[in-house]
Amino acid sequence: MGRKTMVASFGLNEDFLRGKTQEEIVPVVVDKIESVRGYHPDLIVLPEAFLKIGGDRLNPRWREITETMLGELKRLAGEMRCYIAAPVYEPYPGRDTLRYNTVFLLDRAGGVAGKYRKVHTVYEESTESMVVPGCDYPVFDTDFGRIGFQTCFDIGWRDGWKALSDKGAKLVIWTAAYDGGNLLNAYAAHNMYYVVSSVRTDHAQIIDLTGRTVAEGARWNGLAMAAIDLETELYHIDRQYRKIDAIRKALGDKVTIRVYSEENVFTVESNDPTWPVARIESEFGIMNYRDYHAEAARLQEEWRRKYPPRPEE
């Protein structure tokens, strides 16, 4: 059985925060996080460089305020025993004028489990905000599954999203200044992982591995919150759809199966620790979507070798 993971992702609408200083935004963010404490979230996600709303580096104390904000987030992560994705500007070592656009992953003890530095910066971000682009796409193993990050303008490049899939990410967090739109749903469906967005607008989202939005924020409250299971697996119906009723009959509420006719796929989610998805696959002889494609690709290559292209007669 996969771990049921409560995710809380915030949309912090800049329109509601304009006029506040960076110092004043710190308690606003703390209060937002406190509002979900009673839901016992496993993961809290905040928007890209959210302190920038209060004045960016024009505030000579931006480094000090950033450290204060990170300190508060570390405290909350430890107290609430949850992970927090904390996107802030990180000073570039040895150069006071330069920095990274970084997402710090804080763990349940309040420590830094890792960080992602935005790879694809916009032109003005480097020339005006003095942000140095990162160069890789790390993944991080949490107690609920493997995750990775993308930040705002990264949405325009396919390389990072694919790299995270190739590295086995089951969830990708996208922090940004804007909503993102249907590209997020497309990336989730194409890569068969969950996508969680947190934005400096209203429309934070939690998107499942079929590309469907399962939770979203709204203008008057930007919170998107849902329980998800990163062990959930996707299957094609070919040679398998007749097994769906057999699984339901045998396991009942130990399993949740959702079937989607337009895409010819279904998902399997375990609700019983004695029946993890791997056991369900083995016992009922079902093959997940990735393995199904790999099987087809191997056969295609085999047939191309046996029957190479022939000149037209």
C-alpha atoms as a PDB file:
ATOM      1  CA  MET A   1       0.000   0.000   0.000  1.00  0.00           C
ATOM      2  CA  GLY A   2       1.304   3.430  -0.883  1.00  0.00           C
ATOM      3  CA  ARG A   3       1.389   6.169   1.709  1.00  0.00           C
ATOM      4  CA  LYS A   4      -1.640   8.459   1.573  1.00  0.00           C
ATOM      5  CA  THR A   5      -0.021  11.877   1.393  1.00  0.00           C
ATOM      6  CA  MET A   6      -1.813  15.091   2.350  1.00  0.00           C
ATOM      7  CA  VAL A   7      -0.566  17.925   0.153  1.00  0.00           C
ATOM      8  CA  ALA A   8      -1.314  21.612   0.798  1.00  0.00           C
ATOM      9  CA  SER A   9      -0.232  23.998  -1.967  1.00  0.00           C
ATOM     10  CA  PHE A  10      -0.731  27.741  -1.760  1.00  0.00           C
ATOM     11  CA  GLY A  11      -1.609  30.411  -4.261  1.00  0.00           C
ATOM     12  CA  LEU A  12      -0.473  33.721  -2.732  1.00  0.00           C
ATOM     13  CA  ASN A  13      -2.194  36.338  -4.848  1.00  0.00           C
ATOM     14  CA  GLU A  14       0.219  39.226  -5.369  1.00  0.00           C
ATOM     15  CA  ASP A  15      -2.722  41.631  -5.738  1.00  0.00           C
ATOM     16  CA  PHE A  16      -3.653  40.997  -2.102  1.00  0.00           C
ATOM     17  CA  LEU A  17      -0.083  41.461  -0.867  1.00  0.00           C
ATOM     18  CA  ARG A  18       1.012  44.538  -2.799  1.00  0.00           C
ATOM     19  CA  GLY A  19       2.155  47.318  -0.531  1.00  0.00           C
ATOM     20  CA  LYS A  20       3.468  44.908   2.081  1.00  0.00           C
ATOM     21  CA  THR A  21       7.179  44.850   2.728  1.00  0.00           C
ATOM     22  CA  GLN A  22       9.255  41.692   2.793  1.00  0.00           C
ATOM     23  CA  GLU A  23       9.252  41.925   6.585  1.00  0.00           C
ATOM     24  CA  GLU A  24       5.438  42.062   6.603  1.00  0.00           C
ATOM     25  CA  ILE A  25       5.081  39.085   4.259  1.00  0.00           C
ATOM     26  CA  VAL A  26       6.913  36.762   6.676  1.00  0.00           C
ATOM     27  CA  PRO A  27       4.041  36.590   9.237  1.00  0.00           C
ATOM     28  CA  VAL A  28       1.458  36.369   6.427  1.00  0.00           C
ATOM     29  CA  VAL A  29       3.103  33.179   5.130  1.00  0.00           C
ATOM     30  CA  VAL A  30       3.462  31.772   8.630  1.00  0.00           C
ATOM     31  CA  ASP A  31      -0.250  32.383   9.245  1.00  0.00           C
ATOM     32  CA  LYS A  32      -1.160  30.671   5.949  1.00  0.00           C
ATOM     33  CA  ILE A  33       0.749  27.575   7.006  1.00  0.00           C
ATOM     34  CA  GLU A  34      -0.799  27.666  10.468  1.00  0.00           C
ATOM     35  CA  SER A  35      -4.237  27.585   8.818  1.00  0.00           C
ATOM     36  CA  VAL A  36      -3.626  24.007   7.608  1.00  0.00           C
ATOM     37  CA  ARG A  37      -1.894  22.669  10.725  1.00  0.00           C
ATOM     38  CA  GLY A  38      -5.061  20.829  11.794  1.00  0.00           C
ATOM     39  CA  TYR A  39      -5.111  18.865   8.522  1.00  0.00           C
ATOM     40  CA  HIS A  40      -1.722  17.298   9.333  1.00  0.00           C
ATOM     41  CA  PRO A  41      -0.196  17.885   5.884  1.00  0.00           C
ATOM     42  CA  ASP A  42       2.728  15.761   4.746  1.00  0.00           C
ATOM     43  CA  LEU A  43       3.847  18.351   2.186  1.00  0.00           C
ATOM     44  CA  ILE A  44       3.354  22.123   2.052  1.00  0.00           C
ATOM     45  CA  VAL A  45       4.274  24.034  -1.102  1.00  0.00           C
ATOM     46  CA  LEU A  46       4.855  27.793  -1.473  1.00  0.00           C
ATOM     47  CA  PRO A  47       5.198  29.921  -4.652  1.00  0.00           C
ATOM     48  CA  GLU A  48       8.336  30.938  -6.490  1.00  0.00           C
ATOM     49  CA  ALA A  49      10.435  33.626  -4.740  1.00  0.00           C
ATOM     50  CA  PHE A  50       7.357  34.822  -2.843  1.00  0.00           C
ATOM     51  CA  LEU A  51       9.304  37.375  -0.799  1.00  0.00           C
ATOM     52  CA  LYS A  52       9.939  39.255  -4.053  1.00  0.00           C
ATOM     53  CA  ILE A  53       6.395  40.600  -3.779  1.00  0.00           C
ATOM     54  CA  GLY A  54       7.695  42.805  -0.962  1.00  0.00           C
ATOM     55  CA  GLY A  55      10.447  44.546  -2.868  1.00  0.00           C
ATOM     56  CA  ASP A  56      13.014  42.065  -4.193  1.00  0.00           C
ATOM     57  CA  ARG A  57      16.665  42.988  -3.645  1.00  0.00           C
ATOM     58  CA  LEU A  58      15.923  46.713  -3.523  1.00  0.00           C
ATOM     59  CA  ASN A  59      15.524  45.966   0.172  1.00  0.00           C
ATOM     60  CA  PRO A  60      19.120  45.971   1.477  1.00  0.00           C
ATOM     61  CA  ARG A  61      18.035  43.500   4.191  1.00  0.00           C
ATOM     62  CA  TRP A  62      16.762  40.865   1.739  1.00  0.00           C
ATOM     63  CA  ARG A  63      19.366  38.287   2.814  1.00  0.00           C
ATOM     64  CA  GLU A  64      18.547  38.740   6.489  1.00  0.00           C
ATOM     65  CA  ILE A  65      14.795  38.573   5.841  1.00  0.00           C
ATOM     66  CA  THR A  66      15.252  35.464   3.707  1.00  0.00           C
ATOM     67  CA  GLU A  67      17.131  33.787   6.568  1.00  0.00           C
ATOM     68  CA  THR A  68      14.340  34.782   8.963  1.00  0.00           C
ATOM     69  CA  MET A  69      11.732  33.309   6.616  1.00  0.00           C
ATOM     70  CA  LEU A  70      13.693  30.084   6.178  1.00  0.00           C
ATOM     71  CA  GLY A  71      14.099  29.870   9.938  1.00  0.00           C
ATOM     72  CA  GLU A  72      10.348  30.147  10.438  1.00  0.00           C
ATOM     73  CA  LEU A  73       9.679  27.528   7.781  1.00  0.00           C
ATOM     74  CA  LYS A  74      12.208  25.153   9.330  1.00  0.00           C
ATOM     75  CA  ARG A  75      10.504  25.636  12.691  1.00  0.00           C
ATOM     76  CA  LEU A  76       7.069  24.901  11.206  1.00  0.00           C
ATOM     77  CA  ALA A  77       8.327  21.850   9.295  1.00  0.00           C
ATOM     78  CA  GLY A  78       9.759  20.439  12.521  1.00  0.00           C
ATOM     79  CA  GLU A  79       6.716  21.260  14.653  1.00  0.00           C
ATOM     80  CA  MET A  80       4.197  19.970  12.104  1.00  0.00           C
ATOM     81  CA  ARG A  81       6.388  16.998  11.110  1.00  0.00           C
ATOM     82  CA  CYS A  82       5.952  17.759   7.413  1.00  0.00           C
ATOM     83  CA  TYR A  83       7.989  18.566   4.328  1.00  0.00           C
ATOM     84  CA  ILE A  84       7.937  22.154   3.062  1.00  0.00           C
ATOM     85  CA  ALA A  85       8.959  23.339  -0.409  1.00  0.00           C
ATOM     86  CA  ALA A  86      10.414  26.784   0.316  1.00  0.00           C
ATOM     87  CA  PRO A  87      11.306  28.879  -2.778  1.00  0.00           C
ATOM     88  CA  VAL A  88      13.555  31.848  -1.985  1.00  0.00           C
ATOM     89  CA  TYR A  89      16.532  33.643  -3.457  1.00  0.00           C
ATOM     90  CA  GLU A  90      19.812  32.040  -2.373  1.00  0.00           C
ATOM     91  CA  PRO A  91      22.974  34.167  -2.305  1.00  0.00           C
ATOM     92  CA  TYR A  92      25.598  33.101  -4.840  1.00  0.00           C
ATOM     93  CA  PRO A  93      28.776  32.123  -2.956  1.00  0.00           C
ATOM     94  CA  GLY A  94      31.456  34.800  -3.020  1.00  0.00           C
ATOM     95  CA  ARG A  95      29.497  37.355  -5.089  1.00  0.00           C
ATOM     96  CA  ASP A  96      27.190  39.729  -3.200  1.00  0.00           C
ATOM     97  CA  THR A  97      25.420  40.889  -6.357  1.00  0.00           C
ATOM     98  CA  LEU A  98      24.494  37.428  -7.639  1.00  0.00           C
ATOM     99  CA  ARG A  99      22.029  34.778  -6.459  1.00  0.00           C
ATOM    100  CA  TYR A 100      20.118  31.638  -7.363  1.00  0.00           C
ATOM    101  CA  ASN A 101      16.349  31.191  -7.621  1.00  0.00           C
ATOM    102  CA  THR A 102      16.194  28.182  -5.307  1.00  0.00           C
ATOM    103  CA  VAL A 103      13.594  25.829  -3.862  1.00  0.00           C
ATOM    104  CA  PHE A 104      14.734  24.434  -0.528  1.00  0.00           C
ATOM    105  CA  LEU A 105      13.156  21.106   0.452  1.00  0.00           C
ATOM    106  CA  LEU A 106      12.750  21.051   4.228  1.00  0.00           C
ATOM    107  CA  ASP A 107      12.202  17.689   5.891  1.00  0.00           C
ATOM    108  CA  ARG A 108      10.010  16.604   8.800  1.00  0.00           C
ATOM    109  CA  ALA A 109      12.737  17.454  11.296  1.00  0.00           C
ATOM    110  CA  GLY A 110      13.128  20.978   9.922  1.00  0.00           C
ATOM    111  CA  GLY A 111      16.398  20.225   8.169  1.00  0.00           C
ATOM    112  CA  VAL A 112      17.341  20.901   4.538  1.00  0.00           C
ATOM    113  CA  ALA A 113      16.828  17.680   2.574  1.00  0.00           C
ATOM    114  CA  GLY A 114      18.008  19.247  -0.676  1.00  0.00           C
ATOM    115  CA  LYS A 115      17.501  22.119  -3.072  1.00  0.00           C
ATOM    116  CA  TYR A 116      16.738  22.846  -6.697  1.00  0.00           C
ATOM    117  CA  ARG A 117      18.139  25.886  -8.498  1.00  0.00           C
ATOM    118  CA  LYS A 118      15.991  27.147 -11.368  1.00  0.00           C
ATOM    119  CA  VAL A 119      17.598  26.107 -14.651  1.00  0.00           C
ATOM    120  CA  HIS A 120      15.695  28.199 -17.197  1.00  0.00           C
ATOM    121  CA  THR A 121      15.774  31.843 -16.133  1.00  0.00           C
ATOM    122  CA  VAL A 122      14.013  34.564 -18.107  1.00  0.00           C
ATOM    123  CA  TYR A 123      16.136  37.280 -19.729  1.00  0.00           C
ATOM    124  CA  GLU A 124      15.268  40.003 -17.214  1.00  0.00           C
ATOM    125  CA  GLU A 125      15.778  37.615 -14.320  1.00  0.00           C
ATOM    126  CA  SER A 126      19.488  37.397 -15.058  1.00  0.00           C
ATOM    127  CA  THR A 127      20.064  40.920 -16.395  1.00  0.00           C
ATOM    128  CA  GLU A 128      18.054  42.771 -13.721  1.00  0.00           C
ATOM    129  CA  SER A 129      17.556  40.432 -10.753  1.00  0.00           C
ATOM    130  CA  MET A 130      21.077  38.992 -11.176  1.00  0.00           C
ATOM    131  CA  VAL A 131      19.954  35.349 -10.986  1.00  0.00           C
ATOM    132  CA  VAL A 132      22.440  32.675 -12.061  1.00  0.00           C
ATOM    133  CA  PRO A 133      20.744  29.682 -13.748  1.00  0.00           C
ATOM    134  CA  GLY A 134      21.140  26.223 -12.255  1.00  0.00           C
ATOM    135  CA  CYS A 135      22.375  23.289 -14.283  1.00  0.00           C
ATOM    136  CA  ASP A 136      20.714  20.031 -13.193  1.00  0.00           C
ATOM    137  CA  TYR A 137      17.472  18.324 -12.167  1.00  0.00           C
ATOM    138  CA  PRO A 138      17.952  16.490  -8.854  1.00  0.00           C
ATOM    139  CA  VAL A 139      15.351  14.158  -7.366  1.00  0.00           C
ATOM    140  CA  PHE A 140      14.720  13.630  -3.671  1.00  0.00           C
ATOM    141  CA  ASP A 141      13.503  10.527  -1.872  1.00  0.00           C
ATOM    142  CA  THR A 142      10.890  11.333   0.774  1.00  0.00           C
ATOM    143  CA  ASP A 143       9.004   8.890   2.972  1.00  0.00           C
ATOM    144  CA  PHE A 144       6.021   9.131   0.600  1.00  0.00           C
ATOM    145  CA  GLY A 145       7.858   8.874  -2.728  1.00  0.00           C
ATOM    146  CA  ARG A 146      10.456  10.386  -5.043  1.00  0.00           C
ATOM    147  CA  ILE A 147       9.924  14.033  -6.002  1.00  0.00           C
ATOM    148  CA  GLY A 148      11.508  16.722  -8.163  1.00  0.00           C
ATOM    149  CA  PHE A 149      11.093  20.411  -8.920  1.00  0.00           C
ATOM    150  CA  GLN A 150      10.572  22.826 -11.781  1.00  0.00           C
ATOM    151  CA  THR A 151      10.297  26.602 -11.460  1.00  0.00           C
ATOM    152  CA  CYS A 152       8.169  28.991 -13.528  1.00  0.00           C
ATOM    153  CA  PHE A 153       9.967  29.492 -16.910  1.00  0.00           C
ATOM    154  CA  ASP A 154      11.098  25.851 -16.767  1.00  0.00           C
ATOM    155  CA  ILE A 155       7.593  25.083 -18.027  1.00  0.00           C
ATOM    156  CA  GLY A 156       8.695  26.140 -21.514  1.00  0.00           C
ATOM    157  CA  TRP A 157      11.370  23.454 -21.799  1.00  0.00           C
ATOM    158  CA  ARG A 158      10.604  19.729 -22.005  1.00  0.00           C
ATOM    159  CA  ASP A 159      14.052  18.565 -20.931  1.00  0.00           C
ATOM    160  CA  GLY A 160      13.635  18.996 -17.191  1.00  0.00           C
ATOM    161  CA  TRP A 161      10.224  17.371 -17.038  1.00  0.00           C
ATOM    162  CA  LYS A 162      11.512  14.340 -18.948  1.00  0.00           C
ATOM    163  CA  ALA A 163      14.723  14.174 -16.912  1.00  0.00           C
ATOM    164  CA  LEU A 164      12.711  13.964 -13.693  1.00  0.00           C
ATOM    165  CA  SER A 165      10.563  11.194 -15.183  1.00  0.00           C
ATOM    166  CA  ASP A 166      13.679   9.298 -16.281  1.00  0.00           C
ATOM    167  CA  LYS A 167      15.011   9.587 -12.721  1.00  0.00           C
ATOM    168  CA  GLY A 168      11.869   8.017 -11.312  1.00  0.00           C
ATOM    169  CA  ALA A 169      10.056  11.052  -9.898  1.00  0.00           C
ATOM    170  CA  LYS A 170       6.476  10.300  -8.864  1.00  0.00           C
ATOM    171  CA  LEU A 171       5.624  13.941  -8.142  1.00  0.00           C
ATOM    172  CA  VAL A 172       6.948  17.175  -9.622  1.00  0.00           C
ATOM    173  CA  ILE A 173       6.458  20.472  -7.787  1.00  0.00           C
ATOM    174  CA  TRP A 174       6.171  23.559 -10.006  1.00  0.00           C
ATOM    175  CA  THR A 175       6.543  26.886  -8.196  1.00  0.00           C
ATOM    176  CA  ALA A 176       5.803  29.975 -10.247  1.00  0.00           C
ATOM    177  CA  ALA A 177       4.647  33.558 -10.573  1.00  0.00           C
ATOM    178  CA  TYR A 178       1.658  32.626 -12.767  1.00  0.00           C
ATOM    179  CA  ASP A 179      -0.909  29.850 -13.198  1.00  0.00           C
ATOM    180  CA  GLY A 180       0.728  27.756 -15.921  1.00  0.00           C
ATOM    181  CA  GLY A 181      -2.422  26.496 -17.614  1.00  0.00           C
ATOM    182  CA  ASN A 182      -2.921  23.237 -19.473  1.00  0.00           C
ATOM    183  CA  LEU A 183       0.793  22.554 -20.010  1.00  0.00           C
ATOM    184  CA  LEU A 184       0.926  21.342 -16.407  1.00  0.00           C
ATOM    185  CA  ASN A 185      -1.853  18.843 -17.069  1.00  0.00           C
ATOM    186  CA  ALA A 186      -0.099  17.756 -20.264  1.00  0.00           C
ATOM    187  CA  TYR A 187       3.227  17.193 -18.490  1.00  0.00           C
ATOM    188  CA  ALA A 188       1.525  15.170 -15.750  1.00  0.00           C
ATOM    189  CA  ALA A 189      -0.268  12.940 -18.269  1.00  0.00           C
ATOM    190  CA  HIS A 190       2.698  12.549 -20.618  1.00  0.00           C
ATOM    191  CA  ASN A 191       5.156  11.678 -17.838  1.00  0.00           C
ATOM    192  CA  MET A 192       2.628   9.736 -15.739  1.00  0.00           C
ATOM    193  CA  TYR A 193       3.407  11.491 -12.465  1.00  0.00           C
ATOM    194  CA  TYR A 194       1.617  13.920 -10.158  1.00  0.00           C
ATOM    195  CA  VAL A 195       2.193  17.662 -10.576  1.00  0.00           C
ATOM    196  CA  VAL A 196       1.642  20.146  -7.749  1.00  0.00           C
ATOM    197  CA  SER A 197       1.734  23.856  -8.586  1.00  0.00           C
ATOM    198  CA  SER A 198       2.097  26.784  -6.204  1.00  0.00           C
ATOM    199  CA  VAL A 199       1.762  30.253  -7.692  1.00  0.00           C
ATOM    200  CA  ARG A 200       1.775  33.976  -6.960  1.00  0.00           C
ATOM    201  CA  THR A 201      -1.773  34.161  -8.318  1.00  0.00           C
ATOM    202  CA  ASP A 202      -4.897  32.208  -7.316  1.00  0.00           C
ATOM    203  CA  HIS A 203      -4.782  28.928  -9.134  1.00  0.00           C
ATOM    204  CA  ALA A 204      -2.590  26.475  -7.265  1.00  0.00           C
ATOM    205  CA  GLN A 205      -3.304  22.932  -8.464  1.00  0.00           C
ATOM    206  CA  ILE A 206      -2.822  19.278  -7.640  1.00  0.00           C
ATOM    207  CA  ILE A 207      -2.871  17.184 -10.831  1.00  0.00           C
ATOM    208  CA  ASP A 208      -2.878  13.394 -10.944  1.00  0.00           C
ATOM    209  CA  LEU A 209      -0.901  11.085 -13.226  1.00  0.00           C
ATOM    210  CA  THR A 210      -3.698  11.016 -15.822  1.00  0.00           C
ATOM    211  CA  GLY A 211      -3.485  14.816 -16.176  1.00  0.00           C
ATOM    212  CA  ARG A 212      -6.687  15.549 -14.266  1.00  0.00           C
ATOM    213  CA  THR A 213      -6.845  18.346 -11.689  1.00  0.00           C
ATOM    214  CA  VAL A 214      -7.954  16.881  -8.353  1.00  0.00           C
ATOM    215  CA  ALA A 215      -7.719  20.086  -6.280  1.00  0.00           C
ATOM    216  CA  GLU A 216      -7.316  23.766  -7.105  1.00  0.00           C
ATOM    217  CA  GLY A 217      -7.298  27.164  -5.449  1.00  0.00           C
ATOM    218  CA  ALA A 218      -9.636  30.058  -6.161  1.00  0.00           C
ATOM    219  CA  ARG A 219      -9.398  33.848  -6.116  1.00  0.00           C
ATOM    220  CA  TRP A 220     -10.649  34.283  -2.568  1.00  0.00           C
ATOM    221  CA  ASN A 221      -8.641  31.410  -1.157  1.00  0.00           C
ATOM    222  CA  GLY A 222      -5.717  30.059  -3.134  1.00  0.00           C
ATOM    223  CA  LEU A 223      -5.231  26.810  -1.234  1.00  0.00           C
ATOM    224  CA  ALA A 224      -5.264  23.510  -3.153  1.00  0.00           C
ATOM    225  CA  MET A 225      -5.310  20.530  -0.806  1.00  0.00           C
ATOM    226  CA  ALA A 226      -5.834  16.811  -1.369  1.00  0.00           C
ATOM    227  CA  ALA A 227      -4.696  13.393  -0.207  1.00  0.00           C
ATOM    228  CA  ILE A 228      -2.804  11.582  -2.958  1.00  0.00           C
ATOM    229  CA  ASP A 229      -0.951   8.271  -3.235  1.00  0.00           C
ATOM    230  CA  LEU A 230       2.270   8.240  -5.246  1.00  0.00           C
ATOM    231  CA  GLU A 231       2.155   4.445  -5.519  1.00  0.00           C
ATOM    232  CA  THR A 232      -0.931   4.745  -7.748  1.00  0.00           C
ATOM    233  CA  GLU A 233      -0.145   3.120 -11.098  1.00  0.00           C
ATOM    234  CA  LEU A 234      -1.452   3.613 -14.634  1.00  0.00           C
ATOM    235  CA  TYR A 235      -2.429   0.807 -17.042  1.00  0.00           C
ATOM    236  CA  HIS A 236      -3.539   0.517 -20.654  1.00  0.00           C
ATOM    237  CA  ILE A 237      -6.735  -1.464 -21.265  1.00  0.00           C
ATOM    238  CA  ASP A 238      -5.167  -3.652 -23.989  1.00  0.00           C
ATOM    239  CA  ARG A 239      -5.302  -7.326 -22.909  1.00  0.00           C
ATOM    240  CA  GLN A 240      -6.223  -6.168 -19.394  1.00  0.00           C
ATOM    241  CA  TYR A 241      -9.663  -4.571 -19.148  1.00  0.00           C
ATOM    242  CA  ARG A 242     -11.370  -7.883 -18.414  1.00  0.00           C
ATOM    243  CA  LYS A 243      -9.278  -8.164 -15.242  1.00  0.00           C
ATOM    244  CA  ILE A 244     -10.729  -5.001 -13.688  1.00  0.00           C
ATOM    245  CA  ASP A 245     -13.869  -6.686 -12.356  1.00  0.00           C
ATOM    246  CA  ALA A 246     -11.828  -9.659 -11.149  1.00  0.00           C
ATOM    247  CA  ILE A 247      -9.632  -7.363  -9.047  1.00  0.00           C
ATOM    248  CA  ARG A 248     -12.625  -5.549  -7.615  1.00  0.00           C
ATOM    249  CA  LYS A 249     -14.394  -8.809  -6.850  1.00  0.00           C
ATOM    250  CA  ALA A 250     -11.376 -10.228  -5.049  1.00  0.00           C
ATOM    251  CA  LEU A 251     -10.233  -7.129  -3.140  1.00  0.00           C
ATOM    252  CA  GLY A 252     -13.298  -4.921  -2.649  1.00  0.00           C
ATOM    253  CA  ASP A 253     -12.465  -1.708  -0.813  1.00  0.00           C
ATOM    254  CA  LYS A 254      -8.845  -2.784  -0.456  1.00  0.00           C
ATOM    255  CA  VAL A 255      -8.349  -1.217  -3.881  1.00  0.00           C
ATOM    256  CA  THR A 256      -9.544   1.850  -5.776  1.00  0.00           C
ATOM    257  CA  ILE A 257      -9.771   1.496  -9.570  1.00  0.00           C
ATOM    258  CA  ARG A 258     -10.613   4.397 -11.861  1.00  0.00           C
ATOM    259  CA  VAL A 259     -11.284   3.766 -15.558  1.00  0.00           C
ATOM    260  CA  TYR A 260     -10.995   6.387 -18.323  1.00  0.00           C
ATOM    261  CA  SER A 261     -12.537   5.422 -21.635  1.00  0.00           C
ATOM    262  CA  GLU A 262     -11.285   8.301 -23.799  1.00  0.00           C
ATOM    263  CA  GLU A 263      -7.640   7.490 -23.067  1.00  0.00           C
ATOM    264  CA  ASN A 264      -8.159   3.684 -22.819  1.00  0.00           C
ATOM    265  CA  VAL A 265      -6.439   3.601 -19.428  1.00  0.00           C
ATOM    266  CA  PHE A 266      -7.199   2.799 -15.804  1.00  0.00           C
ATOM    267  CA  THR A 267      -5.449   3.435 -12.494  1.00  0.00           C
ATOM    268  CA  VAL A 268      -5.009   1.164  -9.483  1.00  0.00           C
ATOM    269  CA  GLU A 269      -4.526   2.500  -5.955  1.00  0.00           C
ATOM    270  CA  SER A 270      -4.105   0.250  -2.927  1.00  0.00           C
ATOM    271  CA  ASN A 271      -6.001   0.901   0.303  1.00  0.00           C
ATOM    272  CA  ASP A 272      -4.573  -2.065   2.212  1.00  0.00           C
ATOM    273  CA  PRO A 273      -0.930  -2.491   3.322  1.00  0.00           C
ATOM    274  CA  THR A 274      -1.110  -6.229   2.636  1.00  0.00           C
ATOM    275  CA  TRP A 275      -2.014  -5.503  -0.988  1.00  0.00           C
ATOM    276  CA  PRO A 276       0.576  -3.090  -2.408  1.00  0.00           C
ATOM    277  CA  VAL A 277       0.213  -2.326  -6.100  1.00  0.00           C
ATOM    278  CA  ALA A 278       3.199  -4.553  -6.924  1.00  0.00           C
ATOM    279  CA  ARG A 279       1.372  -7.525  -5.396  1.00  0.00           C
ATOM    280  CA  ILE A 280      -1.828  -6.695  -7.271  1.00  0.00           C
ATOM    281  CA  GLU A 281       0.146  -6.609 -10.531  1.00  0.00           C
ATOM    282  CA  SER A 282       1.729  -9.970  -9.761  1.00  0.00           C
ATOM    283  CA  GLU A 283      -1.405 -11.751  -8.519  1.00  0.00           C
ATOM    284  CA  PHE A 284      -3.662 -10.577 -11.350  1.00  0.00           C
ATOM    285  CA  GLY A 285      -1.111 -10.425 -14.151  1.00  0.00           C
ATOM    286  CA  ILE A 286      -1.487  -6.770 -15.093  1.00  0.00           C
ATOM    287  CA  MET A 287       1.278  -4.718 -16.728  1.00  0.00           C
ATOM    288  CA  ASN A 288       1.706  -1.024 -16.035  1.00  0.00           C
ATOM    289  CA  TYR A 289       1.725   1.522 -18.842  1.00  0.00           C
ATOM    290  CA  ARG A 290       5.499   2.051 -18.916  1.00  0.00           C
ATOM    291  CA  ASP A 291       6.202  -1.670 -19.103  1.00  0.00           C
ATOM    292  CA  TYR A 292       3.508  -2.085 -21.752  1.00  0.00           C
ATOM    293  CA  HIS A 293       5.179   0.564 -23.937  1.00  0.00           C
ATOM    294  CA  ALA A 294       8.627  -0.949 -23.320  1.00  0.00           C
ATOM    295  CA  GLU A 295       7.325  -4.370 -24.373  1.00  0.00           C
ATOM    296  CA  ALA A 296       5.872  -2.900 -27.573  1.00  0.00           C
ATOM    297  CA  ALA A 297       9.096  -0.988 -28.320  1.00  0.00           C
ATOM    298  CA  ARG A 298      11.192  -4.153 -27.969  1.00  0.00           C
ATOM    299  CA  LEU A 299       8.927  -6.020 -30.361  1.00  0.00           C
ATOM    300  CA  GLN A 300       8.993  -3.140 -32.839  1.00  0.00           C
ATOM    301  CA  GLU A 301      12.805  -3.183 -32.888  1.00  0.00           C
ATOM    302  CA  GLU A 302      12.832  -6.953 -33.257  1.00  0.00           C
ATOM    303  CA  TRP A 303      10.560  -6.772 -36.292  1.00  0.00           C
ATOM    304  CA  ARG A 304      12.593  -3.965 -37.847  1.00  0.00           C
ATOM    305  CA  ARG A 305      15.689  -6.170 -37.608  1.00  0.00           C
ATOM    306  CA  LYS A 306      13.882  -9.142 -39.107  1.00  0.00           C
ATOM    307  CA  TYR A 307      12.168  -7.165 -41.818  1.00  0.00           C
ATOM    308  CA  PRO A 308      14.305  -4.134 -42.748  1.00  0.00           C
ATOM    309  CA  PRO A 309      12.962  -1.543 -45.143  1.00  0.00           C
ATOM    310  CA  ARG A 310      13.026  -2.778 -48.718  1.00  0.00           C
ATOM    311  CA  PRO A 311      13.351  -0.650 -51.831  1.00  0.00           C
ATOM    312  CA  GLU A 312      10.138  -0.197 -53.726  1.00  0.00           C
ATOM    313  CA  GLU A 313       9.709  -2.861 -56.379  1.00  0.00           C
END
